[in-house]
């Protein structure tokens, strides 16, 4: 499968680039400053307008270490926003040097479970691992018999 660039731009403190791969859109977002609910909503509105399916794929690259403000209420609000526009599954990876971010990921998965929303989320310090994880989920949708990839902490990162 080949990647094809769909769109790119900057909204608030987030630069985004959307690629088409296997009929799905992968949304790469890079934090350019602190990220808040308001920033996420603006970017999600833009990206959801062209999302081709009921699955939303996203990578948030915050290796620069900007403050990422997301509360329990924000998680509910964002899940409701996605559900309202027909998104039933989210595959996402946060790329961050902050090891405690996995706690945020775990809480967001718990919120998704409460809402009957399929969230496959994780965090890593490695952009390459994040891309591999998301691309493997798209391949899994195309071939459900394929084994899903789990992130392994590796020493080679880019």
C-alpha atoms as a PDB file:
ATOM      1  CA  UNK A   1       0.000   0.000   0.000  1.00  0.00           C
ATOM      2  CA  UNK A   2       1.200   3.480  -0.863  1.00  0.00           C
ATOM      3  CA  UNK A   3       0.776   6.677   1.156  1.00  0.00           C
ATOM      4  CA  UNK A   4      -0.698   9.784  -0.454  1.00  0.00           C
ATOM      5  CA  UNK A   5      -0.745  13.250   1.106  1.00  0.00           C
ATOM      6  CA  UNK A   6      -4.294  14.605   1.469  1.00  0.00           C
ATOM      7  CA  UNK A   7      -3.817  17.867   3.350  1.00  0.00           C
ATOM      8  CA  UNK A   8      -1.652  19.785   5.777  1.00  0.00           C
ATOM      9  CA  UNK A   9      -1.710  22.996   7.728  1.00  0.00           C
ATOM     10  CA  UNK A  10      -1.508  24.597  11.138  1.00  0.00           C
ATOM     11  CA  UNK A  11      -4.388  25.318  13.482  1.00  0.00           C
ATOM     12  CA  UNK A  12      -3.789  26.862  16.891  1.00  0.00           C
ATOM     13  CA  UNK A  13      -0.725  25.123  18.353  1.00  0.00           C
ATOM     14  CA  UNK A  14      -1.002  22.020  16.191  1.00  0.00           C
ATOM     15  CA  UNK A  15       0.536  21.372  12.782  1.00  0.00           C
ATOM     16  CA  UNK A  16      -1.241  18.536  10.960  1.00  0.00           C
ATOM     17  CA  UNK A  17      -0.660  16.408   7.898  1.00  0.00           C
ATOM     18  CA  UNK A  18      -3.175  13.862   6.654  1.00  0.00           C
ATOM     19  CA  UNK A  19      -2.068  10.907   4.574  1.00  0.00           C
ATOM     20  CA  UNK A  20      -4.288   8.394   2.787  1.00  0.00           C
ATOM     21  CA  UNK A  21      -3.167   4.797   3.252  1.00  0.00           C
ATOM     22  CA  UNK A  22      -5.232   1.726   2.476  1.00  0.00           C
ATOM     23  CA  UNK A  23      -8.368   3.834   1.996  1.00  0.00           C
ATOM     24  CA  UNK A  24      -8.031   5.396   5.474  1.00  0.00           C
ATOM     25  CA  UNK A  25      -6.726   8.761   6.594  1.00  0.00           C
ATOM     26  CA  UNK A  26      -3.850   8.938   9.068  1.00  0.00           C
ATOM     27  CA  UNK A  27      -3.676  12.280  10.835  1.00  0.00           C
ATOM     28  CA  UNK A  28      -0.195  13.256  11.984  1.00  0.00           C
ATOM     29  CA  UNK A  29      -0.328  16.126  14.456  1.00  0.00           C
ATOM     30  CA  UNK A  30       2.675  17.917  15.929  1.00  0.00           C
ATOM     31  CA  UNK A  31       2.415  20.097  19.014  1.00  0.00           C
ATOM     32  CA  UNK A  32       3.920  23.535  18.386  1.00  0.00           C
ATOM     33  CA  UNK A  33       3.043  24.815  21.855  1.00  0.00           C
ATOM     34  CA  UNK A  34       0.781  23.866  24.752  1.00  0.00           C
ATOM     35  CA  UNK A  35      -2.234  21.811  23.597  1.00  0.00           C
ATOM     36  CA  UNK A  36      -5.701  22.362  25.086  1.00  0.00           C
ATOM     37  CA  UNK A  37      -9.214  21.057  24.476  1.00  0.00           C
ATOM     38  CA  UNK A  38      -9.925  24.103  22.314  1.00  0.00           C
ATOM     39  CA  UNK A  39      -6.915  23.351  20.100  1.00  0.00           C
ATOM     40  CA  UNK A  40      -7.960  19.719  19.702  1.00  0.00           C
ATOM     41  CA  UNK A  41     -11.546  20.656  18.834  1.00  0.00           C
ATOM     42  CA  UNK A  42     -10.428  23.047  16.088  1.00  0.00           C
ATOM     43  CA  UNK A  43      -8.110  20.460  14.541  1.00  0.00           C
ATOM     44  CA  UNK A  44     -10.574  17.572  14.899  1.00  0.00           C
ATOM     45  CA  UNK A  45     -13.319  19.586  13.178  1.00  0.00           C
ATOM     46  CA  UNK A  46     -11.027  20.137  10.215  1.00  0.00           C
ATOM     47  CA  UNK A  47      -9.850  16.523  10.032  1.00  0.00           C
ATOM     48  CA  UNK A  48     -13.223  14.890  10.636  1.00  0.00           C
ATOM     49  CA  UNK A  49     -14.752  16.723   7.656  1.00  0.00           C
ATOM     50  CA  UNK A  50     -12.809  14.503   5.257  1.00  0.00           C
ATOM     51  CA  UNK A  51     -12.411  11.308   7.276  1.00  0.00           C
ATOM     52  CA  UNK A  52     -13.552   8.477   4.961  1.00  0.00           C
ATOM     53  CA  UNK A  53     -14.702   5.895   7.506  1.00  0.00           C
ATOM     54  CA  UNK A  54     -15.932   5.288  11.028  1.00  0.00           C
ATOM     55  CA  UNK A  55     -12.327   4.930  12.241  1.00  0.00           C
ATOM     56  CA  UNK A  56     -10.149   7.917  13.123  1.00  0.00           C
ATOM     57  CA  UNK A  57      -6.379   7.342  13.000  1.00  0.00           C
ATOM     58  CA  UNK A  58      -4.113   9.855  14.723  1.00  0.00           C
ATOM     59  CA  UNK A  59      -0.567  10.356  15.930  1.00  0.00           C
ATOM     60  CA  UNK A  60       0.179  13.291  18.227  1.00  0.00           C
ATOM     61  CA  UNK A  61       3.894  14.074  18.214  1.00  0.00           C
ATOM     62  CA  UNK A  62       4.799  15.961  21.364  1.00  0.00           C
ATOM     63  CA  UNK A  63       8.459  15.016  21.640  1.00  0.00           C
ATOM     64  CA  UNK A  64       9.137  18.723  22.205  1.00  0.00           C
ATOM     65  CA  UNK A  65       7.465  18.306  25.596  1.00  0.00           C
ATOM     66  CA  UNK A  66       4.798  21.013  25.481  1.00  0.00           C
ATOM     67  CA  UNK A  67       2.109  20.969  28.128  1.00  0.00           C
ATOM     68  CA  UNK A  68      -0.745  18.744  26.998  1.00  0.00           C
ATOM     69  CA  UNK A  69      -3.833  19.777  28.947  1.00  0.00           C
ATOM     70  CA  UNK A  70      -6.495  17.105  28.794  1.00  0.00           C
ATOM     71  CA  UNK A  71      -8.919  16.474  31.629  1.00  0.00           C
ATOM     72  CA  UNK A  72     -11.377  13.692  32.342  1.00  0.00           C
ATOM     73  CA  UNK A  73     -14.174  16.021  31.141  1.00  0.00           C
ATOM     74  CA  UNK A  74     -12.195  16.779  27.966  1.00  0.00           C
ATOM     75  CA  UNK A  75     -11.949  13.049  27.255  1.00  0.00           C
ATOM     76  CA  UNK A  76     -15.735  12.679  27.543  1.00  0.00           C
ATOM     77  CA  UNK A  77     -16.291  15.742  25.363  1.00  0.00           C
ATOM     78  CA  UNK A  78     -13.905  14.523  22.638  1.00  0.00           C
ATOM     79  CA  UNK A  79     -15.368  10.999  22.638  1.00  0.00           C
ATOM     80  CA  UNK A  80     -18.892  12.454  22.342  1.00  0.00           C
ATOM     81  CA  UNK A  81     -17.706  14.705  19.499  1.00  0.00           C
ATOM     82  CA  UNK A  82     -16.283  11.731  17.603  1.00  0.00           C
ATOM     83  CA  UNK A  83     -19.387   9.620  18.186  1.00  0.00           C
ATOM     84  CA  UNK A  84     -21.668  12.457  17.039  1.00  0.00           C
ATOM     85  CA  UNK A  85     -19.997  12.521  13.611  1.00  0.00           C
ATOM     86  CA  UNK A  86     -20.068   8.742  13.176  1.00  0.00           C
ATOM     87  CA  UNK A  87     -16.625   7.749  14.428  1.00  0.00           C
ATOM     88  CA  UNK A  88     -16.887   4.427  16.256  1.00  0.00           C
ATOM     89  CA  UNK A  89     -13.178   3.556  16.582  1.00  0.00           C
ATOM     90  CA  UNK A  90     -10.074   5.612  17.264  1.00  0.00           C
ATOM     91  CA  UNK A  91      -6.548   4.350  16.785  1.00  0.00           C
ATOM     92  CA  UNK A  92      -4.087   6.809  18.261  1.00  0.00           C
ATOM     93  CA  UNK A  93      -0.570   7.119  19.571  1.00  0.00           C
ATOM     94  CA  UNK A  94       0.970   9.908  21.599  1.00  0.00           C
ATOM     95  CA  UNK A  95       4.662  10.332  20.913  1.00  0.00           C
ATOM     96  CA  UNK A  96       6.137  11.851  24.032  1.00  0.00           C
ATOM     97  CA  UNK A  97       9.189  11.619  26.263  1.00  0.00           C
ATOM     98  CA  UNK A  98       6.881  11.784  29.296  1.00  0.00           C
ATOM     99  CA  UNK A  99       6.538   8.217  30.658  1.00  0.00           C
ATOM    100  CA  UNK A 100       3.525   9.172  32.801  1.00  0.00           C
ATOM    101  CA  UNK A 101       1.531   9.971  29.625  1.00  0.00           C
ATOM    102  CA  UNK A 102       0.539   6.309  29.490  1.00  0.00           C
ATOM    103  CA  UNK A 103      -1.685   7.064  32.518  1.00  0.00           C
ATOM    104  CA  UNK A 104      -3.606   9.582  30.383  1.00  0.00           C
ATOM    105  CA  UNK A 105      -3.890   6.972  27.631  1.00  0.00           C
ATOM    106  CA  UNK A 106      -5.238   4.421  30.112  1.00  0.00           C
ATOM    107  CA  UNK A 107      -7.830   6.887  31.434  1.00  0.00           C
ATOM    108  CA  UNK A 108      -8.931   7.806  27.908  1.00  0.00           C
ATOM    109  CA  UNK A 109      -9.396   4.099  27.109  1.00  0.00           C
ATOM    110  CA  UNK A 110     -11.539   3.735  30.244  1.00  0.00           C
ATOM    111  CA  UNK A 111     -13.694   6.689  29.143  1.00  0.00           C
ATOM    112  CA  UNK A 112     -14.020   5.123  25.684  1.00  0.00           C
ATOM    113  CA  UNK A 113     -15.112   1.813  27.240  1.00  0.00           C
ATOM    114  CA  UNK A 114     -17.829   3.614  29.217  1.00  0.00           C
ATOM    115  CA  UNK A 115     -19.135   5.077  25.962  1.00  0.00           C
ATOM    116  CA  UNK A 116     -18.983   1.827  23.967  1.00  0.00           C
ATOM    117  CA  UNK A 117     -16.309   3.438  21.801  1.00  0.00           C
ATOM    118  CA  UNK A 118     -13.451   1.296  20.471  1.00  0.00           C
ATOM    119  CA  UNK A 119     -10.198   3.049  21.347  1.00  0.00           C
ATOM    120  CA  UNK A 120      -6.863   1.501  20.517  1.00  0.00           C
ATOM    121  CA  UNK A 121      -4.447   3.936  22.100  1.00  0.00           C
ATOM    122  CA  UNK A 122      -0.915   3.906  23.411  1.00  0.00           C
ATOM    123  CA  UNK A 123       2.108   6.119  23.902  1.00  0.00           C
ATOM    124  CA  UNK A 124       5.734   5.787  22.910  1.00  0.00           C
ATOM    125  CA  UNK A 125       8.871   7.890  22.722  1.00  0.00           C
ATOM    126  CA  UNK A 126       9.487   6.790  19.144  1.00  0.00           C
ATOM    127  CA  UNK A 127       7.741   8.259  16.092  1.00  0.00           C
ATOM    128  CA  UNK A 128       8.765   5.258  13.986  1.00  0.00           C
ATOM    129  CA  UNK A 129       7.022   2.903  16.444  1.00  0.00           C
ATOM    130  CA  UNK A 130       3.912   5.097  16.419  1.00  0.00           C
ATOM    131  CA  UNK A 131       3.735   4.988  12.630  1.00  0.00           C
ATOM    132  CA  UNK A 132       4.249   1.228  12.566  1.00  0.00           C
ATOM    133  CA  UNK A 133       1.480   0.744  15.139  1.00  0.00           C
ATOM    134  CA  UNK A 134      -1.049   2.850  13.197  1.00  0.00           C
ATOM    135  CA  UNK A 135      -0.154   1.423   9.776  1.00  0.00           C
ATOM    136  CA  UNK A 136      -0.468  -2.112  11.190  1.00  0.00           C
ATOM    137  CA  UNK A 137      -3.992  -1.326  12.451  1.00  0.00           C
ATOM    138  CA  UNK A 138      -5.017  -0.251   8.951  1.00  0.00           C
ATOM    139  CA  UNK A 139      -3.592  -3.467   7.542  1.00  0.00           C
ATOM    140  CA  UNK A 140      -5.492  -5.380  10.226  1.00  0.00           C
ATOM    141  CA  UNK A 141      -8.755  -3.761   9.082  1.00  0.00           C
ATOM    142  CA  UNK A 142      -7.978  -4.878   5.533  1.00  0.00           C
ATOM    143  CA  UNK A 143      -6.998  -8.395   6.680  1.00  0.00           C
ATOM    144  CA  UNK A 144      -8.598  -9.314  10.034  1.00  0.00           C
ATOM    145  CA  UNK A 145      -6.600 -12.567  10.137  1.00  0.00           C
ATOM    146  CA  UNK A 146      -3.347 -10.608  10.455  1.00  0.00           C
ATOM    147  CA  UNK A 147      -1.807 -10.463  13.916  1.00  0.00           C
ATOM    148  CA  UNK A 148      -1.961  -7.010  15.508  1.00  0.00           C
ATOM    149  CA  UNK A 149       1.340  -5.337  16.321  1.00  0.00           C
ATOM    150  CA  UNK A 150       2.135  -4.416  19.904  1.00  0.00           C
ATOM    151  CA  UNK A 151       4.595  -1.629  20.610  1.00  0.00           C
ATOM    152  CA  UNK A 152       7.892  -2.826  21.973  1.00  0.00           C
ATOM    153  CA  UNK A 153      10.194  -0.364  23.635  1.00  0.00           C
ATOM    154  CA  UNK A 154      13.149  -0.163  21.285  1.00  0.00           C
ATOM    155  CA  UNK A 155      16.424   1.655  21.467  1.00  0.00           C
ATOM    156  CA  UNK A 156      16.425   2.771  17.823  1.00  0.00           C
ATOM    157  CA  UNK A 157      14.067   5.650  17.386  1.00  0.00           C
ATOM    158  CA  UNK A 158      13.416   8.421  14.888  1.00  0.00           C
END
